[in-house]
Amino acid sequence: MEDTFRQFERHLSPIQAIEDELLPPATPEELDVAEQKLGIKFPEEFRQLYMWRNGNKGDLFLFGSYRISPLIEILELYKSARTSMEKTGIK
């Protein structure tokens, strides 16, 4: 998988300021905490992706109309959704 990420980085390198847009890798500990907070176990491929780059900062869409959301954003969206569900009585 690391070869795939290196190839992807080479493909992205011509894009102006790509390094400023991509976040540094997540640590295994950060991924463990996210799994615990979400109550799930990430697939190994997901962990590898986030240990390559912990998402991107803004609205740069690397895959058509999709972007890699940072772990913190995923956790914030989850928390917001849970709060909304609790307010409406959904479990």
Protein backbone atom coordinates (compact mmCIF):
# COMPACT_ATOMS: atom_id res chain seq x y z
CA MET A 1 0.00 0.00 0.00
CA GLU A 2 2.91 2.35 0.68
CA ASP A 3 3.91 2.10 -2.99
CA THR A 4 0.40 3.17 -3.94
CA PHE A 5 0.65 6.24 -1.71
CA ARG A 6 4.04 7.15 -3.17
CA GLN A 7 2.62 6.86 -6.69
CA PHE A 8 -0.35 8.98 -5.66
CA GLU A 9 1.97 11.65 -4.23
CA ARG A 10 3.92 11.71 -7.49
CA HIS A 11 0.63 12.13 -9.36
CA LEU A 12 -0.37 15.02 -7.06
CA SER A 13 3.02 16.76 -7.05
CA PRO A 14 2.25 19.04 -10.04
CA ILE A 15 -0.74 20.51 -8.16
CA GLN A 16 0.19 23.90 -6.72
CA ALA A 17 0.41 23.93 -2.89
CA ILE A 18 -0.69 20.29 -2.45
CA GLU A 19 1.70 19.85 0.46
CA ASP A 20 0.05 22.75 2.28
CA GLU A 21 -3.37 21.19 1.77
CA LEU A 22 -2.66 17.64 2.95
CA LEU A 23 -2.41 17.11 6.70
CA PRO A 24 0.39 15.15 8.36
CA PRO A 25 -0.21 11.48 9.12
CA ALA A 26 -2.44 10.41 12.00
CA THR A 27 -0.70 8.36 14.66
CA PRO A 28 -1.81 4.84 15.56
CA GLU A 29 -2.83 6.27 18.95
CA GLU A 30 -5.06 8.90 17.31
CA LEU A 31 -6.72 6.19 15.25
CA ASP A 32 -7.22 4.06 18.38
CA VAL A 33 -8.89 6.98 20.16
CA ALA A 34 -11.15 7.65 17.17
CA GLU A 35 -12.15 3.99 17.05
CA GLN A 36 -12.96 4.08 20.75
CA LYS A 37 -15.04 7.26 20.46
CA LEU A 38 -16.92 5.95 17.42
CA GLY A 39 -17.33 2.45 18.85
CA ILE A 40 -15.99 0.80 15.70
CA LYS A 41 -12.85 -0.89 14.38
CA PHE A 42 -11.42 0.71 11.25
CA PRO A 43 -10.42 -1.58 8.37
CA GLU A 44 -6.66 -1.89 7.99
CA GLU A 45 -6.77 -0.01 4.67
CA PHE A 46 -8.48 2.95 6.39
CA ARG A 47 -5.77 2.98 9.07
CA GLN A 48 -3.06 2.90 6.40
CA LEU A 49 -4.68 5.78 4.51
CA TYR A 50 -4.84 7.93 7.62
CA MET A 51 -1.30 7.00 8.65
CA TRP A 52 -0.28 8.30 5.22
CA ARG A 53 -2.26 11.58 5.55
CA ASN A 54 -4.86 12.62 8.12
CA GLY A 55 -7.10 14.12 5.46
CA ASN A 56 -6.90 17.52 3.89
CA LYS A 57 -7.54 20.98 5.27
CA GLY A 58 -10.00 22.60 2.93
CA ASP A 59 -12.13 21.92 -0.04
CA LEU A 60 -9.57 20.31 -2.31
CA PHE A 61 -11.35 17.32 -3.79
CA LEU A 62 -8.80 14.64 -4.61
CA PHE A 63 -11.28 12.05 -5.87
CA GLY A 64 -13.81 13.80 -8.07
CA SER A 65 -16.30 15.35 -5.67
CA TYR A 66 -14.82 13.60 -2.61
CA ARG A 67 -12.18 14.63 -0.12
CA ILE A 68 -10.42 12.94 2.79
CA SER A 69 -11.96 14.28 5.99
CA PRO A 70 -9.54 14.68 8.91
CA LEU A 71 -10.21 12.42 11.91
CA ILE A 72 -11.18 15.40 14.06
CA GLU A 73 -13.84 16.37 11.53
CA ILE A 74 -15.21 12.83 11.47
CA LEU A 75 -15.44 12.85 15.27
CA GLU A 76 -17.11 16.28 15.31
CA LEU A 77 -19.70 15.17 12.72
CA TYR A 78 -20.37 12.00 14.71
CA LYS A 79 -20.83 13.97 17.92
CA SER A 80 -23.16 16.43 16.19
CA ALA A 81 -25.23 13.62 14.68
CA ARG A 82 -25.48 11.82 18.03
CA THR A 83 -26.61 15.03 19.74
CA SER A 84 -29.28 15.62 17.09
CA MET A 85 -30.48 12.03 17.35
CA GLU A 86 -30.70 12.23 21.13
CA LYS A 87 -32.72 15.45 20.96
CA THR A 88 -35.26 13.76 18.68
CA GLY A 89 -35.35 10.56 20.73
CA ILE A 90 -33.58 8.42 18.12
CA LYS A 91 -31.15 5.88 19.56
